[in-house]
Structures are given as structure tokens and as C-alpha cells.
Amino acid sequence: MSLPGEAVSRERVFQLWVAHRLAGWPTSRILDFERWLLDEGQLEFLPAVRDALWERTVEHAQRAVQGAG
């Protein structure tokens, strides 16, 4: 049995791993992968994929702001 903090830590490690794996993928491919996960009922992976998309969106927005400033 694991402690709640351990589960969160493992979850975050997994999310970071997914983000790293998807880093080289174009956004359209990640969205296709997300749809495939939904179609296949692989719902446990969706939070990590969506987190990777969110981080990418934030990074792009930050670069756009820095470039405009």
C-alpha cells in the first residue's frame, strides 16, 4: 500500500515522462493520439496527454509574449 503523496509523485513522474515522449510530436499528432485513446477507452492516459498539450500551449504563449516585447 502506498501513501497518498507517493501516488501523486508517481503520477507526476508519469506526466513528465509522457510530456518528454510527446515533445517532438506536432500538436495535430498529439490531438489524434488523444482521440485514439478516447476511442480505445484508454482513459487513464488522457490526463498525462492533456497535461503535455497544456504545457506546450503555455510554452508557445510565453514565447509569443517574449517575441512581442
PDB file of N, CA and C in Angstrom:
ATOM      1  N   MET A   1       0.845  -1.178   0.000  1.00  0.00           N
ATOM      2  CA  MET A   1       0.000   0.000   0.000  1.00  0.00           C
ATOM      3  C   MET A   1       0.890   1.240   0.000  1.00  0.00           C
ATOM      4  N   SER A   2       0.541   2.234  -0.821  1.00  0.00           N
ATOM      5  CA  SER A   2       1.355   3.438  -0.889  1.00  0.00           C
ATOM      6  C   SER A   2       0.643   4.602  -0.210  1.00  0.00           C
ATOM      7  N   LEU A   3       1.416   5.555   0.190  1.00  0.00           N
ATOM      8  CA  LEU A   3       0.883   6.772   0.798  1.00  0.00           C
ATOM      9  C   LEU A   3       0.351   7.687  -0.297  1.00  0.00           C
ATOM     10  N   PRO A   4      -0.600   8.556   0.026  1.00  0.00           N
ATOM     11  CA  PRO A   4      -1.151   9.446  -0.999  1.00  0.00           C
ATOM     12  C   PRO A   4      -0.089  10.288  -1.702  1.00  0.00           C
ATOM     13  N   GLY A   5       0.879  10.791  -0.981  1.00  0.00           N
ATOM     14  CA  GLY A   5       1.941  11.589  -1.586  1.00  0.00           C
ATOM     15  C   GLY A   5       2.777  10.812  -2.582  1.00  0.00           C
ATOM     16  N   GLU A   6       2.967   9.533  -2.316  1.00  0.00           N
ATOM     17  CA  GLU A   6       3.723   8.692  -3.232  1.00  0.00           C
ATOM     18  C   GLU A   6       2.977   8.507  -4.545  1.00  0.00           C
ATOM     19  N   ALA A   7       1.668   8.329  -4.473  1.00  0.00           N
ATOM     20  CA  ALA A   7       0.865   8.156  -5.679  1.00  0.00           C
ATOM     21  C   ALA A   7       0.908   9.420  -6.536  1.00  0.00           C
ATOM     22  N   VAL A   8       0.804  10.568  -5.915  1.00  0.00           N
ATOM     23  CA  VAL A   8       0.862  11.823  -6.651  1.00  0.00           C
ATOM     24  C   VAL A   8       2.229  11.983  -7.287  1.00  0.00           C
ATOM     25  N   SER A   9       3.258  11.653  -6.561  1.00  0.00           N
ATOM     26  CA  SER A   9       4.609  11.771  -7.082  1.00  0.00           C
ATOM     27  C   SER A   9       4.802  10.874  -8.301  1.00  0.00           C
ATOM     28  N   ARG A  10       4.333   9.640  -8.223  1.00  0.00           N
ATOM     29  CA  ARG A  10       4.433   8.726  -9.369  1.00  0.00           C
ATOM     30  C   ARG A  10       3.616   9.232 -10.542  1.00  0.00           C
ATOM     31  N   GLU A  11       2.453   9.798 -10.238  1.00  0.00           N
ATOM     32  CA  GLU A  11       1.613  10.348 -11.295  1.00  0.00           C
ATOM     33  C   GLU A  11       2.334  11.490 -12.004  1.00  0.00           C
ATOM     34  N   ARG A  12       2.972  12.360 -11.230  1.00  0.00           N
ATOM     35  CA  ARG A  12       3.698  13.490 -11.830  1.00  0.00           C
ATOM     36  C   ARG A  12       4.883  12.998 -12.648  1.00  0.00           C
ATOM     37  N   VAL A  13       5.589  12.010 -12.145  1.00  0.00           N
ATOM     38  CA  VAL A  13       6.713  11.438 -12.905  1.00  0.00           C
ATOM     39  C   VAL A  13       6.211  10.898 -14.232  1.00  0.00           C
ATOM     40  N   PHE A  14       5.060  10.211 -14.213  1.00  0.00           N
ATOM     41  CA  PHE A  14       4.482   9.684 -15.446  1.00  0.00           C
ATOM     42  C   PHE A  14       4.097  10.814 -16.396  1.00  0.00           C
ATOM     43  N   GLN A  15       3.494  11.870 -15.869  1.00  0.00           N
ATOM     44  CA  GLN A  15       3.107  13.004 -16.710  1.00  0.00           C
ATOM     45  C   GLN A  15       4.323  13.646 -17.369  1.00  0.00           C
ATOM     46  N   LEU A  16       5.401  13.774 -16.611  1.00  0.00           N
ATOM     47  CA  LEU A  16       6.629  14.337 -17.177  1.00  0.00           C
ATOM     48  C   LEU A  16       7.214  13.432 -18.247  1.00  0.00           C
ATOM     49  N   TRP A  17       7.144  12.126 -18.018  1.00  0.00           N
ATOM     50  CA  TRP A  17       7.634  11.163 -18.997  1.00  0.00           C
ATOM     51  C   TRP A  17       6.829  11.272 -20.297  1.00  0.00           C
ATOM     52  N   VAL A  18       5.501  11.361 -20.166  1.00  0.00           N
ATOM     53  CA  VAL A  18       4.650  11.495 -21.352  1.00  0.00           C
ATOM     54  C   VAL A  18       4.969  12.799 -22.081  1.00  0.00           C
ATOM     55  N   ALA A  19       5.100  13.887 -21.341  1.00  0.00           N
ATOM     56  CA  ALA A  19       5.422  15.176 -21.954  1.00  0.00           C
ATOM     57  C   ALA A  19       6.738  15.100 -22.711  1.00  0.00           C
ATOM     58  N   HIS A  20       7.717  14.425 -22.142  1.00  0.00           N
ATOM     59  CA  HIS A  20       9.014  14.264 -22.806  1.00  0.00           C
ATOM     60  C   HIS A  20       8.866  13.439 -24.082  1.00  0.00           C
ATOM     61  N   ARG A  21       8.099  12.355 -24.008  1.00  0.00           N
ATOM     62  CA  ARG A  21       7.903  11.481 -25.169  1.00  0.00           C
ATOM     63  C   ARG A  21       7.168  12.193 -26.304  1.00  0.00           C
ATOM     64  N   LEU A  22       6.245  13.081 -25.940  1.00  0.00           N
ATOM     65  CA  LEU A  22       5.444  13.769 -26.949  1.00  0.00           C
ATOM     66  C   LEU A  22       6.067  15.088 -27.409  1.00  0.00           C
ATOM     67  N   ALA A  23       7.172  15.471 -26.822  1.00  0.00           N
ATOM     68  CA  ALA A  23       7.774  16.784 -27.103  1.00  0.00           C
ATOM     69  C   ALA A  23       8.080  16.984 -28.581  1.00  0.00           C
ATOM     70  N   GLY A  24       8.499  15.953 -29.264  1.00  0.00           N
ATOM     71  CA  GLY A  24       8.845  16.081 -30.671  1.00  0.00           C
ATOM     72  C   GLY A  24       7.674  15.908 -31.627  1.00  0.00           C
ATOM     73  N   TRP A  25       6.510  15.602 -31.095  1.00  0.00           N
ATOM     74  CA  TRP A  25       5.336  15.385 -31.940  1.00  0.00           C
ATOM     75  C   TRP A  25       4.675  16.713 -32.286  1.00  0.00           C
ATOM     76  N   PRO A  26       4.174  16.847 -33.500  1.00  0.00           N
ATOM     77  CA  PRO A  26       3.372  18.039 -33.804  1.00  0.00           C
ATOM     78  C   PRO A  26       2.053  17.991 -33.022  1.00  0.00           C
ATOM     79  N   THR A  27       1.503  19.139 -32.748  1.00  0.00           N
ATOM     80  CA  THR A  27       0.269  19.226 -31.964  1.00  0.00           C
ATOM     81  C   THR A  27      -0.847  18.403 -32.602  1.00  0.00           C
ATOM     82  N   SER A  28      -0.945  18.426 -33.917  1.00  0.00           N
ATOM     83  CA  SER A  28      -2.010  17.672 -34.590  1.00  0.00           C
ATOM     84  C   SER A  28      -1.889  16.173 -34.317  1.00  0.00           C
ATOM     85  N   ARG A  29      -0.675  15.668 -34.248  1.00  0.00           N
ATOM     86  CA  ARG A  29      -0.484  14.241 -33.967  1.00  0.00           C
ATOM     87  C   ARG A  29      -0.872  13.912 -32.521  1.00  0.00           C
ATOM     88  N   ILE A  30      -0.546  14.818 -31.597  1.00  0.00           N
ATOM     89  CA  ILE A  30      -0.933  14.603 -30.195  1.00  0.00           C
ATOM     90  C   ILE A  30      -2.455  14.594 -30.067  1.00  0.00           C
ATOM     91  N   LEU A  31      -3.119  15.495 -30.772  1.00  0.00           N
ATOM     92  CA  LEU A  31      -4.583  15.525 -30.735  1.00  0.00           C
ATOM     93  C   LEU A  31      -5.175  14.247 -31.331  1.00  0.00           C
ATOM     94  N   ASP A  32      -4.571  13.752 -32.418  1.00  0.00           N
ATOM     95  CA  ASP A  32      -5.011  12.475 -32.989  1.00  0.00           C
ATOM     96  C   ASP A  32      -4.811  11.340 -31.987  1.00  0.00           C
ATOM     97  N   PHE A  33      -3.703  11.357 -31.276  1.00  0.00           N
ATOM     98  CA  PHE A  33      -3.412  10.343 -30.261  1.00  0.00           C
ATOM     99  C   PHE A  33      -4.442  10.419 -29.131  1.00  0.00           C
ATOM    100  N   GLU A  34      -4.788  11.639 -28.737  1.00  0.00           N
ATOM    101  CA  GLU A  34      -5.798  11.824 -27.690  1.00  0.00           C
ATOM    102  C   GLU A  34      -7.140  11.224 -28.129  1.00  0.00           C
ATOM    103  N   ARG A  35      -7.518  11.495 -29.384  1.00  0.00           N
ATOM    104  CA  ARG A  35      -8.776  10.927 -29.900  1.00  0.00           C
ATOM    105  C   ARG A  35      -8.713   9.405 -29.940  1.00  0.00           C
ATOM    106  N   TRP A  36      -7.566   8.856 -30.331  1.00  0.00           N
ATOM    107  CA  TRP A  36      -7.400   7.406 -30.369  1.00  0.00           C
ATOM    108  C   TRP A  36      -7.539   6.816 -28.966  1.00  0.00           C
ATOM    109  N   LEU A  37      -6.921   7.457 -27.979  1.00  0.00           N
ATOM    110  CA  LEU A  37      -7.060   6.989 -26.599  1.00  0.00           C
ATOM    111  C   LEU A  37      -8.526   6.968 -26.173  1.00  0.00           C
ATOM    112  N   LEU A  38      -9.262   8.015 -26.522  1.00  0.00           N
ATOM    113  CA  LEU A  38     -10.684   8.069 -26.198  1.00  0.00           C
ATOM    114  C   LEU A  38     -11.439   6.933 -26.892  1.00  0.00           C
ATOM    115  N   ASP A  39     -11.183   6.744 -28.179  1.00  0.00           N
ATOM    116  CA  ASP A  39     -11.853   5.691 -28.943  1.00  0.00           C
ATOM    117  C   ASP A  39     -11.564   4.305 -28.376  1.00  0.00           C
ATOM    118  N   GLU A  40     -10.329   4.118 -27.885  1.00  0.00           N
ATOM    119  CA  GLU A  40      -9.914   2.821 -27.350  1.00  0.00           C
ATOM    120  C   GLU A  40     -10.280   2.639 -25.875  1.00  0.00           C
ATOM    121  N   GLY A  41     -10.808   3.696 -25.265  1.00  0.00           N
ATOM    122  CA  GLY A  41     -11.190   3.612 -23.857  1.00  0.00           C
ATOM    123  C   GLY A  41     -10.001   3.627 -22.901  1.00  0.00           C
ATOM    124  N   GLN A  42      -8.874   4.153 -23.355  1.00  0.00           N
ATOM    125  CA  GLN A  42      -7.663   4.224 -22.525  1.00  0.00           C
ATOM    126  C   GLN A  42      -7.649   5.536 -21.747  1.00  0.00           C
ATOM    127  N   LEU A  43      -8.646   5.703 -20.919  1.00  0.00           N
ATOM    128  CA  LEU A  43      -8.868   6.979 -20.234  1.00  0.00           C
ATOM    129  C   LEU A  43      -7.795   7.314 -19.209  1.00  0.00           C
ATOM    130  N   GLU A  44      -7.109   6.320 -18.679  1.00  0.00           N
ATOM    131  CA  GLU A  44      -6.102   6.588 -17.645  1.00  0.00           C
ATOM    132  C   GLU A  44      -4.915   7.384 -18.178  1.00  0.00           C
ATOM    133  N   PHE A  45      -4.718   7.379 -19.504  1.00  0.00           N
ATOM    134  CA  PHE A  45      -3.595   8.110 -20.086  1.00  0.00           C
ATOM    135  C   PHE A  45      -3.953   9.541 -20.480  1.00  0.00           C
ATOM    136  N   LEU A  46      -5.238   9.840 -20.542  1.00  0.00           N
ATOM    137  CA  LEU A  46      -5.668  11.161 -21.003  1.00  0.00           C
ATOM    138  C   LEU A  46      -5.131  12.319 -20.165  1.00  0.00           C
ATOM    139  N   PRO A  47      -5.144  12.246 -18.830  1.00  0.00           N
ATOM    140  CA  PRO A  47      -4.618  13.395 -18.071  1.00  0.00           C
ATOM    141  C   PRO A  47      -3.165  13.730 -18.417  1.00  0.00           C
ATOM    142  N   ALA A  48      -2.345  12.731 -18.616  1.00  0.00           N
ATOM    143  CA  ALA A  48      -0.938  12.983 -18.937  1.00  0.00           C
ATOM    144  C   ALA A  48      -0.796  13.594 -20.325  1.00  0.00           C
ATOM    145  N   VAL A  49      -1.579  13.107 -21.284  1.00  0.00           N
ATOM    146  CA  VAL A  49      -1.520  13.654 -22.645  1.00  0.00           C
ATOM    147  C   VAL A  49      -2.039  15.088 -22.650  1.00  0.00           C
ATOM    148  N   ARG A  50      -3.113  15.335 -21.934  1.00  0.00           N
ATOM    149  CA  ARG A  50      -3.664  16.689 -21.872  1.00  0.00           C
ATOM    150  C   ARG A  50      -2.729  17.641 -21.134  1.00  0.00           C
ATOM    151  N   ASP A  51      -2.042  17.144 -20.132  1.00  0.00           N
ATOM    152  CA  ASP A  51      -1.053  17.955 -19.424  1.00  0.00           C
ATOM    153  C   ASP A  51       0.078  18.344 -20.377  1.00  0.00           C
ATOM    154  N   ALA A  52       0.503  17.404 -21.192  1.00  0.00           N
ATOM    155  CA  ALA A  52       1.556  17.689 -22.182  1.00  0.00           C
ATOM    156  C   ALA A  52       1.086  18.752 -23.174  1.00  0.00           C
ATOM    157  N   LEU A  53      -0.162  18.646 -23.622  1.00  0.00           N
ATOM    158  CA  LEU A  53      -0.712  19.666 -24.527  1.00  0.00           C
ATOM    159  C   LEU A  53      -0.781  21.028 -23.852  1.00  0.00           C
ATOM    160  N   TRP A  54      -1.199  21.043 -22.592  1.00  0.00           N
ATOM    161  CA  TRP A  54      -1.306  22.304 -21.853  1.00  0.00           C
ATOM    162  C   TRP A  54       0.077  22.947 -21.704  1.00  0.00           C
ATOM    163  N   GLU A  55       1.071  22.152 -21.330  1.00  0.00           N
ATOM    164  CA  GLU A  55       2.421  22.693 -21.175  1.00  0.00           C
ATOM    165  C   GLU A  55       2.927  23.263 -22.492  1.00  0.00           C
ATOM    166  N   ARG A  56       2.630  22.585 -23.584  1.00  0.00           N
ATOM    167  CA  ARG A  56       3.037  23.073 -24.903  1.00  0.00           C
ATOM    168  C   ARG A  56       2.355  24.402 -25.212  1.00  0.00           C
ATOM    169  N   THR A  57       1.080  24.508 -24.892  1.00  0.00           N
ATOM    170  CA  THR A  57       0.335  25.739 -25.141  1.00  0.00           C
ATOM    171  C   THR A  57       0.926  26.898 -24.344  1.00  0.00           C
ATOM    172  N   VAL A  58       1.249  26.641 -23.082  1.00  0.00           N
ATOM    173  CA  VAL A  58       1.838  27.676 -22.229  1.00  0.00           C
ATOM    174  C   VAL A  58       3.203  28.099 -22.776  1.00  0.00           C
ATOM    175  N   GLU A  59       4.018  27.137 -23.171  1.00  0.00           N
ATOM    176  CA  GLU A  59       5.344  27.460 -23.717  1.00  0.00           C
ATOM    177  C   GLU A  59       5.232  28.306 -24.974  1.00  0.00           C
ATOM    178  N   HIS A  60       4.301  27.954 -25.863  1.00  0.00           N
ATOM    179  CA  HIS A  60       4.113  28.737 -27.086  1.00  0.00           C
ATOM    180  C   HIS A  60       3.648  30.151 -26.763  1.00  0.00           C
ATOM    181  N   ALA A  61       2.751  30.278 -25.806  1.00  0.00           N
ATOM    182  CA  ALA A  61       2.255  31.603 -25.417  1.00  0.00           C
ATOM    183  C   ALA A  61       3.376  32.446 -24.812  1.00  0.00           C
ATOM    184  N   GLN A  62       4.210  31.836 -23.984  1.00  0.00           N
ATOM    185  CA  GLN A  62       5.318  32.568 -23.372  1.00  0.00           C
ATOM    186  C   GLN A  62       6.302  33.051 -24.437  1.00  0.00           C
ATOM    187  N   ARG A  63       6.583  32.191 -25.418  1.00  0.00           N
ATOM    188  CA  ARG A  63       7.489  32.597 -26.492  1.00  0.00           C
ATOM    189  C   ARG A  63       6.899  33.734 -27.314  1.00  0.00           C
ATOM    190  N   ALA A  64       5.592  33.688 -27.543  1.00  0.00           N
ATOM    191  CA  ALA A  64       4.936  34.739 -28.310  1.00  0.00           C
ATOM    192  C   ALA A  64       5.003  36.066 -27.573  1.00  0.00           C
ATOM    193  N   VAL A  65       4.793  36.027 -26.265  1.00  0.00           N
ATOM    194  CA  VAL A  65       4.854  37.256 -25.464  1.00  0.00           C
ATOM    195  C   VAL A  65       6.274  37.809 -25.448  1.00  0.00           C
ATOM    196  N   GLN A  66       7.248  36.937 -25.287  1.00  0.00           N
ATOM    197  CA  GLN A  66       8.656  37.375 -25.258  1.00  0.00           C
ATOM    198  C   GLN A  66       9.070  37.946 -26.605  1.00  0.00           C
ATOM    199  N   GLY A  67       8.578  37.355 -27.668  1.00  0.00           N
ATOM    200  CA  GLY A  67       8.907  37.833 -29.009  1.00  0.00           C
ATOM    201  C   GLY A  67       8.262  39.168 -29.321  1.00  0.00           C
ATOM    202  N   ALA A  68       7.120  39.431 -28.704  1.00  0.00           N
ATOM    203  CA  ALA A  68       6.414  40.687 -28.956  1.00  0.00           C
ATOM    204  C   ALA A  68       6.948  41.832 -28.104  1.00  0.00           C
ATOM    205  N   GLY A  69       7.686  41.478 -27.053  1.00  0.00           N
ATOM    206  CA  GLY A  69       8.142  42.506 -26.094  1.00  0.00           C
ATOM    207  C   GLY A  69       9.415  43.088 -26.387  1.00  0.00           C
TER     208      GLY A  69
END
